[in-house]
Amino acid sequence: MAGLLDSDARIAPIPKPNPRRGLLGVGAPQPTVYNNPGNVERNQDWAGTVSGGYGSNDRFAIFDSPQMGLRALMRDAQTKIKNEKGDLRKMISRYAPRSENPTERYYNYVRSKVGKNKVTMKDLPNIVKGIIEFENKPGSVLSNMYLKPEIFNEALKLSKKSIPKGTSLTKARQMARTK
């Protein structure tokens, strides 16, 4: 599979994306071939990014591993929880604006995973799981890969650390052990 971990825990060569219809109902490039389960944009200085991008104008970041892509999604969600004072509808509206997404369907799906509209940092895992499933289709090979406990939990742990741009998964793991 493209973009998944190879035997040395690095990304496999990244091919051109294959359009696929998911819950969004549009033929968009799959973000997961780039270890970016939530289409996190390049406009942030994310740890774990590699050169280039994908999508229109290379708008979306490419990550060196599923964990670092998940970490970026989690960090982005943490910021939105804070900035939107826990209002899930406002968070999803900012994350998946109506101009690009079926925002109401997106919100309803994530809310079904969280069970409420007023969220806290404790809800982060369920928010992120909802985003992953909405972006990549529930039960798909890609959603299941990102939701594997060993991948998801490591990303969650790393999301609680401040890690500089350009830091690989290997280096991030070392940093997390020393702090």
Foldseek 3Di string as FASTA:
>chain_A
DAQAQDPVQWGDDQDAFFFDQALQRDRDGQPVSQLALQQAFPPDLFAQFDDFADDVVSGGTGGGHVLSNLLSVLLLLQVLCVVVVQQLLSSLCVSQPPVHTPSVVLSVQLCVQQVDGRDDNVSSVSSSLSSSCSSPPPPDPSSVVCPDCVRVVSSVLLSVDDDGRHHHPVNSVVVSVVD
